[in-house]
Protein backbone atom coordinates (compact mmCIF):
# COMPACT_ATOMS: atom_id res chain seq x y z
CA MET A 1 48.06 19.37 -17.85
CA PRO A 2 45.35 21.61 -19.39
CA ALA A 3 44.13 20.82 -22.87
CA ALA A 4 43.87 23.92 -25.28
CA ARG A 5 40.56 24.61 -26.61
CA SER A 6 38.94 23.17 -29.62
CA SER A 7 35.98 22.97 -31.42
CA GLY A 8 36.28 20.26 -34.24
CA PRO A 9 39.27 19.36 -36.27
CA VAL A 10 41.66 22.37 -36.89
CA GLN A 11 43.50 22.28 -39.89
CA ILE A 12 46.98 23.76 -39.85
CA ARG A 13 49.56 24.42 -42.66
CA PHE A 14 53.21 25.55 -42.30
CA GLY A 15 54.37 26.88 -45.89
CA GLY A 16 58.26 27.71 -46.37
CA TYR A 17 61.45 26.46 -47.93
CA GLY A 18 63.73 24.11 -46.89
CA GLY A 19 66.00 24.96 -44.25
CA GLN A 20 63.48 27.16 -42.51
CA GLY A 21 62.49 24.30 -40.07
CA ILE A 22 58.74 23.93 -41.59
CA VAL A 23 59.07 19.98 -40.77
CA LEU A 24 60.27 20.55 -37.26
CA ALA A 25 57.64 23.06 -36.30
CA GLY A 26 54.82 20.62 -37.63
CA THR A 27 56.34 17.89 -36.03
CA LEU A 28 56.53 19.65 -32.57
CA LEU A 29 52.95 20.93 -32.92
CA GLY A 30 51.43 17.34 -33.69
CA LYS A 31 53.40 16.08 -30.70
CA ALA A 32 52.41 18.93 -28.44
CA ALA A 33 48.83 17.79 -29.34
CA SER A 34 48.95 13.97 -29.54
CA LEU A 35 51.47 13.40 -26.64
CA TYR A 36 50.81 16.29 -24.07
CA ASP A 37 47.29 17.61 -24.61
CA GLY A 38 46.01 14.21 -25.22
CA LYS A 39 44.12 15.17 -28.87
CA GLU A 40 44.23 13.32 -31.97
CA ALA A 41 46.93 14.50 -34.48
CA VAL A 42 47.82 13.81 -38.05
CA PHE A 43 51.13 15.23 -39.54
CA THR A 44 52.24 15.07 -43.22
CA GLN A 45 54.90 16.99 -45.07
CA ALA A 46 55.89 17.53 -48.63
CA TYR A 47 59.02 19.00 -49.66
CA GLY A 48 61.04 19.38 -53.21
CA PRO A 49 63.92 17.57 -54.14
CA GLU A 50 66.34 20.51 -52.92
CA ALA A 51 67.17 19.80 -48.99
CA ARG A 52 67.52 23.48 -48.89
CA GLY A 53 65.84 26.47 -50.85
CA GLY A 54 63.26 24.30 -52.25
CA ALA A 55 59.35 24.56 -51.54
CA SER A 56 58.52 22.87 -48.07
CA ARG A 57 55.18 22.15 -46.65
CA ALA A 58 53.89 20.64 -43.24
CA ASP A 59 50.42 20.10 -42.58
CA VAL A 60 49.00 19.33 -39.04
CA ILE A 61 45.14 18.31 -38.41
CA ILE A 62 44.29 18.28 -34.57
CA ALA A 63 40.98 17.18 -33.17
CA ASP A 64 39.40 15.66 -30.03
CA GLU A 65 38.21 12.60 -32.16
CA PRO A 66 39.64 10.32 -34.52
CA ILE A 67 40.68 12.20 -37.72
CA ASP A 68 38.83 10.54 -40.47
CA TYR A 69 40.81 12.15 -43.54
CA PRO A 70 44.39 12.91 -42.94
CA TYR A 71 45.12 15.74 -45.30
CA VAL A 72 44.62 19.18 -45.11
CA THR A 73 42.31 20.77 -47.50
CA GLN A 74 41.35 23.97 -46.40
CA PRO A 75 43.42 25.30 -43.50
CA ASP A 76 42.04 27.22 -40.46
CA VAL A 77 45.49 28.21 -39.91
CA LEU A 78 48.12 29.22 -42.76
CA VAL A 79 51.57 29.99 -41.71
CA ALA A 80 53.42 31.62 -44.77
CA LEU A 81 57.25 31.86 -44.30
CA PHE A 82 58.32 32.76 -47.85
CA GLN A 83 56.36 34.18 -50.91
CA GLU A 84 55.82 31.07 -52.76
CA ALA A 85 54.04 29.51 -49.75
CA TYR A 86 51.63 32.55 -49.82
CA THR A 87 51.14 32.63 -53.27
CA LEU A 88 50.42 28.67 -53.48
CA PHE A 89 47.93 28.37 -50.32
CA GLY A 90 46.85 32.10 -49.48
CA GLY A 91 43.79 31.16 -51.51
CA GLN A 92 42.83 27.95 -49.67
CA LEU A 93 42.77 29.57 -46.03
CA LYS A 94 39.28 29.16 -44.69
CA PRO A 95 37.09 32.16 -44.66
CA GLY A 96 38.08 33.73 -41.18
CA GLY A 97 40.90 31.81 -40.85
CA THR A 98 44.19 32.84 -39.13
CA LEU A 99 47.03 33.88 -41.39
CA ILE A 100 50.56 34.18 -40.14
CA VAL A 101 53.44 35.36 -42.26
CA GLU A 102 56.92 36.18 -41.90
CA GLU A 103 57.01 39.91 -42.74
CA ASP A 104 60.17 40.61 -44.09
CA LEU A 105 59.60 37.73 -47.06
CA VAL A 106 56.08 37.60 -47.81
CA ARG A 107 54.08 40.40 -49.51
CA LEU A 108 50.53 40.27 -49.43
CA GLY A 109 49.26 42.45 -51.95
CA GLU A 110 46.24 44.94 -52.28
CA PRO A 111 43.76 44.77 -50.96
CA ALA A 112 45.70 42.67 -48.13
CA PRO A 113 43.83 40.15 -46.44
CA PRO A 114 43.66 40.40 -42.35
CA ALA A 115 46.90 38.84 -41.25
CA SER A 116 49.40 38.49 -38.33
CA LEU A 117 52.60 40.01 -39.37
CA LEU A 118 55.61 38.24 -37.51
CA PRO A 119 59.24 39.36 -38.03
CA ALA A 120 60.23 35.67 -37.34
CA THR A 121 63.64 35.58 -38.67
CA ARG A 122 64.81 39.15 -37.20
CA MET A 123 63.51 37.97 -33.80
CA ALA A 124 65.56 34.60 -34.53
CA GLU A 125 68.88 36.87 -35.19
CA GLU A 126 68.31 38.68 -32.32
CA LEU A 127 68.40 35.69 -30.45
CA GLY A 128 71.63 34.98 -31.90
CA ASN A 129 70.72 32.26 -34.46
CA ARG A 130 68.07 32.37 -37.35
CA ILE A 131 68.17 28.71 -37.10
CA VAL A 132 65.22 29.12 -34.20
CA THR A 133 62.86 31.09 -36.69
CA ASN A 134 60.34 27.94 -36.72
CA VAL A 135 60.54 27.83 -33.11
CA ILE A 136 59.37 31.67 -32.88
CA VAL A 137 56.65 31.20 -35.39
CA LEU A 138 55.70 27.92 -33.46
CA GLY A 139 55.23 30.05 -30.01
CA PHE A 140 53.58 32.60 -31.95
CA LEU A 141 51.03 30.18 -33.30
CA VAL A 142 50.49 28.92 -29.90
CA GLY A 143 49.95 32.34 -28.27
CA ARG A 144 47.78 33.21 -31.25
CA THR A 145 45.23 30.32 -31.65
CA GLY A 146 45.39 28.30 -28.52
CA VAL A 147 45.38 25.01 -30.58
CA VAL A 148 47.56 23.09 -28.19
CA SER A 149 48.38 24.45 -24.51
CA ARG A 150 51.68 26.36 -23.99
CA GLU A 151 52.51 23.61 -21.41
CA ALA A 152 52.14 21.12 -24.12
CA ALA A 153 54.43 22.50 -26.64
CA GLU A 154 57.17 23.08 -24.38
CA GLN A 155 56.91 19.75 -23.42
CA ALA A 156 57.33 18.65 -26.93
CA LEU A 157 60.40 21.03 -27.40
CA LYS A 158 61.89 19.59 -24.17
CA THR A 159 61.41 15.81 -25.52
CA THR A 160 62.53 16.60 -29.04
CA VAL A 161 65.34 19.17 -29.25
CA LYS A 162 68.84 18.40 -28.28
CA PRO A 163 69.86 19.63 -25.13
CA ALA A 164 72.35 21.74 -26.17
CA ALA A 165 70.29 23.87 -28.26
CA LEU A 166 67.38 23.50 -25.61
CA GLU A 167 67.70 26.81 -24.02
CA LEU A 168 67.93 28.41 -27.07
CA ASN A 169 64.92 27.07 -28.36
CA MET A 170 62.63 27.56 -25.24
CA ARG A 171 63.80 31.32 -25.37
CA ALA A 172 62.90 31.36 -29.10
CA PHE A 173 59.52 29.77 -27.85
CA GLU A 174 58.81 32.31 -25.31
CA ALA A 175 59.51 35.40 -27.77
CA GLY A 176 56.74 34.10 -30.05
CA PHE A 177 54.48 33.25 -27.21
CA ALA A 178 54.95 36.79 -25.66
CA ARG A 179 54.71 38.48 -29.34
CA ALA A 180 51.33 36.88 -29.72
CA LEU A 181 50.03 38.01 -26.24
CA ALA A 182 51.60 41.46 -27.03
CA ALA A 183 49.24 41.43 -30.22
CA GLY A 184 46.22 40.75 -28.31
CA ALA A 185 45.64 36.97 -28.56
CA ALA A 186 44.19 35.38 -25.56
CA PRO A 187 46.59 32.96 -23.67
CA ALA A 188 46.04 29.16 -24.07
């Protein structure tokens, strides 16, 4: 299986609210990197006391070498799926980093920084279930950044998602990945 491109540790932060599948997205990305692309990966998570509706964060660091410090300090990639996540973490994004936002839930303000606007929730609803919003985001992130290979991400989905939900999740991943390629991202 081909490994995705890399040049030093890549810090990725997913920010959202409980119920958006932020933790699962981070888990899938870390699993894709470590088990199927042969990279090193560290995954950490933080969420409020509320199971649904409270702030949620999932951080993944991916590298070719062992990772010395397990916490994201300045994300290379920030995925903000609701306004509070962007407000809290937007200023931490590394200069020149990749910002991916849920365009229906996040307002960037003026002047707006360069960002990939993704209507992930709407796309999930078009597929029939907004529960796959996180997997659309994962597909977009993989297609946009190449931080892991497409094959590795798909394998992580196949070995993590329940069989009854796999087909929908694979369609969601493909929708996000295709959207990234249509936006001009190079394939991983």
